[in-house]
Amino acid sequence: MAKKTGKKKKELQAEKRELAMIEGILEGSPDGIGVVVVRLDCGCRKMAAVTADGEPASKVIMYRDMAESICDLCKDDNGDFMRVTESFIHWVEPAPTEEQKEIIQVKVLGASPN
């Protein structure tokens, strides 16, 4: 099996268990071209659809896999950004151009060091 080369950084992808939630968010967000996925150190997730101009296309959904509700810490601080371990956008096909993706990612997630 050949390795892919030429990529600057590892691209994060939605986990299988996140895909159902992503599909549900997109179903209720006709203007959504992707879903922002924010993973927290406690295991909770925050997700929201985003439009082509980087604006919200849905409410922010917080959940925790295999649990009835989010953790007590998230209930207290609403998933504080200091506890974010990973964040990315899961794009709908056909995905925007790489240039458009970069513009939207910076607007939504902020700049990140390389």
C-alpha atoms as a PDB file:
ATOM      1  CA  MET A   1       0.000   0.000   0.000  1.00  0.00           C
ATOM      2  CA  ALA A   2       1.547   3.286  -1.113  1.00  0.00           C
ATOM      3  CA  LYS A   3       1.694   6.295   1.174  1.00  0.00           C
ATOM      4  CA  LYS A   4       0.159   9.569   0.073  1.00  0.00           C
ATOM      5  CA  THR A   5       2.786  12.263  -0.164  1.00  0.00           C
ATOM      6  CA  GLY A   6       2.697  15.974  -0.740  1.00  0.00           C
ATOM      7  CA  LYS A   7       0.186  16.775   2.019  1.00  0.00           C
ATOM      8  CA  LYS A   8       1.267  19.505   4.408  1.00  0.00           C
ATOM      9  CA  LYS A   9      -0.615  18.177   7.426  1.00  0.00           C
ATOM     10  CA  LYS A  10      -2.801  15.283   8.451  1.00  0.00           C
ATOM     11  CA  GLU A  11      -6.376  16.069   7.486  1.00  0.00           C
ATOM     12  CA  LEU A  12      -8.894  15.302  10.200  1.00  0.00           C
ATOM     13  CA  GLN A  13     -11.980  13.350   9.211  1.00  0.00           C
ATOM     14  CA  ALA A  14     -15.282  12.573  10.844  1.00  0.00           C
ATOM     15  CA  GLU A  15     -15.394   9.339  12.781  1.00  0.00           C
ATOM     16  CA  LYS A  16     -18.022   6.782  11.850  1.00  0.00           C
ATOM     17  CA  ARG A  17     -20.052   7.568  14.974  1.00  0.00           C
ATOM     18  CA  GLU A  18     -20.029  11.311  14.128  1.00  0.00           C
ATOM     19  CA  LEU A  19     -21.360  10.835  10.588  1.00  0.00           C
ATOM     20  CA  ALA A  20     -24.989  10.210  11.639  1.00  0.00           C
ATOM     21  CA  MET A  21     -25.035  13.447  13.623  1.00  0.00           C
ATOM     22  CA  ILE A  22     -23.456  15.313  10.691  1.00  0.00           C
ATOM     23  CA  GLU A  23     -26.087  13.957   8.293  1.00  0.00           C
ATOM     24  CA  GLY A  24     -28.869  15.005  10.663  1.00  0.00           C
ATOM     25  CA  ILE A  25     -27.477  18.525  10.983  1.00  0.00           C
ATOM     26  CA  LEU A  26     -27.125  18.863   7.212  1.00  0.00           C
ATOM     27  CA  GLU A  27     -30.648  17.557   6.638  1.00  0.00           C
ATOM     28  CA  GLY A  28     -32.004  20.468   8.668  1.00  0.00           C
ATOM     29  CA  SER A  29     -29.629  23.003   7.105  1.00  0.00           C
ATOM     30  CA  PRO A  30     -30.279  23.347   3.355  1.00  0.00           C
ATOM     31  CA  ASP A  31     -27.710  26.170   3.044  1.00  0.00           C
ATOM     32  CA  GLY A  32     -25.003  24.114   4.759  1.00  0.00           C
ATOM     33  CA  ILE A  33     -21.935  23.190   2.712  1.00  0.00           C
ATOM     34  CA  GLY A  34     -20.182  21.560   5.636  1.00  0.00           C
ATOM     35  CA  VAL A  35     -20.328  20.836   9.347  1.00  0.00           C
ATOM     36  CA  VAL A  36     -17.830  22.175  11.852  1.00  0.00           C
ATOM     37  CA  VAL A  37     -16.744  19.412  14.236  1.00  0.00           C
ATOM     38  CA  VAL A  38     -15.117  20.406  17.536  1.00  0.00           C
ATOM     39  CA  ARG A  39     -13.800  17.637  19.768  1.00  0.00           C
ATOM     40  CA  LEU A  40     -13.244  18.401  23.447  1.00  0.00           C
ATOM     41  CA  ASP A  41     -10.822  16.761  25.883  1.00  0.00           C
ATOM     42  CA  CYS A  42     -13.735  15.346  27.890  1.00  0.00           C
ATOM     43  CA  GLY A  43     -15.115  13.391  24.919  1.00  0.00           C
ATOM     44  CA  CYS A  44     -18.018  15.735  24.184  1.00  0.00           C
ATOM     45  CA  ARG A  45     -18.495  17.162  20.683  1.00  0.00           C
ATOM     46  CA  LYS A  46     -19.800  20.461  19.339  1.00  0.00           C
ATOM     47  CA  MET A  47     -21.108  20.615  15.766  1.00  0.00           C
ATOM     48  CA  ALA A  48     -22.826  23.171  13.535  1.00  0.00           C
ATOM     49  CA  ALA A  49     -23.486  23.553   9.819  1.00  0.00           C
ATOM     50  CA  VAL A  50     -21.718  26.362   7.958  1.00  0.00           C
ATOM     51  CA  THR A  51     -22.693  28.249   4.772  1.00  0.00           C
ATOM     52  CA  ALA A  52     -20.535  29.039   1.742  1.00  0.00           C
ATOM     53  CA  ASP A  53     -19.675  32.440   3.222  1.00  0.00           C
ATOM     54  CA  GLY A  54     -18.632  30.986   6.581  1.00  0.00           C
ATOM     55  CA  GLU A  55     -21.782  31.907   8.474  1.00  0.00           C
ATOM     56  CA  PRO A  56     -23.735  29.523  10.737  1.00  0.00           C
ATOM     57  CA  ALA A  57     -26.387  27.451   8.948  1.00  0.00           C
ATOM     58  CA  SER A  58     -27.640  25.720  12.112  1.00  0.00           C
ATOM     59  CA  LYS A  59     -27.594  25.948  15.873  1.00  0.00           C
ATOM     60  CA  VAL A  60     -24.595  24.501  17.706  1.00  0.00           C
ATOM     61  CA  ILE A  61     -25.306  20.929  18.784  1.00  0.00           C
ATOM     62  CA  MET A  62     -23.432  19.481  21.754  1.00  0.00           C
ATOM     63  CA  TYR A  63     -23.423  15.767  22.453  1.00  0.00           C
ATOM     64  CA  ARG A  64     -21.417  12.952  23.964  1.00  0.00           C
ATOM     65  CA  ASP A  65     -21.194   9.500  22.386  1.00  0.00           C
ATOM     66  CA  MET A  66     -22.990   6.714  24.239  1.00  0.00           C
ATOM     67  CA  ALA A  67     -24.328   9.139  26.881  1.00  0.00           C
ATOM     68  CA  GLU A  68     -27.728  10.653  27.630  1.00  0.00           C
ATOM     69  CA  SER A  69     -26.263  14.139  27.919  1.00  0.00           C
ATOM     70  CA  ILE A  70     -23.048  16.136  27.808  1.00  0.00           C
ATOM     71  CA  CYS A  71     -20.645  15.980  30.758  1.00  0.00           C
ATOM     72  CA  ASP A  72     -20.952  18.158  33.864  1.00  0.00           C
ATOM     73  CA  LEU A  73     -17.916  20.233  32.865  1.00  0.00           C
ATOM     74  CA  CYS A  74     -19.512  21.109  29.512  1.00  0.00           C
ATOM     75  CA  LYS A  75     -22.763  21.905  31.304  1.00  0.00           C
ATOM     76  CA  ASP A  76     -20.795  24.428  33.395  1.00  0.00           C
ATOM     77  CA  ASP A  77     -18.584  26.003  30.710  1.00  0.00           C
ATOM     78  CA  ASN A  78     -20.451  25.165  27.463  1.00  0.00           C
ATOM     79  CA  GLY A  79     -17.407  23.369  26.046  1.00  0.00           C
ATOM     80  CA  ASP A  80     -14.793  26.072  26.601  1.00  0.00           C
ATOM     81  CA  PHE A  81     -12.371  26.588  23.697  1.00  0.00           C
ATOM     82  CA  MET A  82      -9.405  25.967  26.006  1.00  0.00           C
ATOM     83  CA  ARG A  83     -10.462  22.307  26.134  1.00  0.00           C
ATOM     84  CA  VAL A  84     -10.651  21.800  22.350  1.00  0.00           C
ATOM     85  CA  THR A  85      -8.397  18.972  21.186  1.00  0.00           C
ATOM     86  CA  GLU A  86      -9.330  18.909  17.482  1.00  0.00           C
ATOM     87  CA  SER A  87     -11.507  20.917  15.123  1.00  0.00           C
ATOM     88  CA  PHE A  88     -12.213  20.680  11.414  1.00  0.00           C
ATOM     89  CA  ILE A  89     -14.951  21.045   8.809  1.00  0.00           C
ATOM     90  CA  HIS A  90     -16.591  17.996   7.239  1.00  0.00           C
ATOM     91  CA  TRP A  91     -17.391  19.182   3.696  1.00  0.00           C
ATOM     92  CA  VAL A  92     -20.440  18.246   1.626  1.00  0.00           C
ATOM     93  CA  GLU A  93     -19.740  17.006  -1.913  1.00  0.00           C
ATOM     94  CA  PRO A  94     -19.142  18.733  -4.210  1.00  0.00           C
ATOM     95  CA  ALA A  95     -16.761  20.448  -1.811  1.00  0.00           C
ATOM     96  CA  PRO A  96     -15.642  24.049  -2.312  1.00  0.00           C
ATOM     97  CA  THR A  97     -12.269  24.766  -3.899  1.00  0.00           C
ATOM     98  CA  GLU A  98      -9.198  24.522  -1.670  1.00  0.00           C
ATOM     99  CA  GLU A  99      -8.977  28.326  -1.641  1.00  0.00           C
ATOM    100  CA  GLN A 100     -12.620  28.660  -0.544  1.00  0.00           C
ATOM    101  CA  LYS A 101     -12.122  25.980   2.108  1.00  0.00           C
ATOM    102  CA  GLU A 102      -9.143  27.864   3.539  1.00  0.00           C
ATOM    103  CA  ILE A 103     -11.081  31.162   3.689  1.00  0.00           C
ATOM    104  CA  ILE A 104     -14.049  29.509   5.424  1.00  0.00           C
ATOM    105  CA  GLN A 105     -11.828  27.563   7.849  1.00  0.00           C
ATOM    106  CA  VAL A 106      -9.974  30.710   8.937  1.00  0.00           C
ATOM    107  CA  LYS A 107     -13.262  32.576   9.414  1.00  0.00           C
ATOM    108  CA  VAL A 108     -14.906  29.746  11.350  1.00  0.00           C
ATOM    109  CA  LEU A 109     -12.026  28.084  13.208  1.00  0.00           C
ATOM    110  CA  GLY A 110      -9.416  30.841  13.220  1.00  0.00           C
ATOM    111  CA  ALA A 111      -5.825  30.623  12.088  1.00  0.00           C
ATOM    112  CA  SER A 112      -3.810  27.707  13.360  1.00  0.00           C
ATOM    113  CA  PRO A 113      -0.029  27.398  13.545  1.00  0.00           C
ATOM    114  CA  ASN A 114       1.556  25.018  11.036  1.00  0.00           C
END
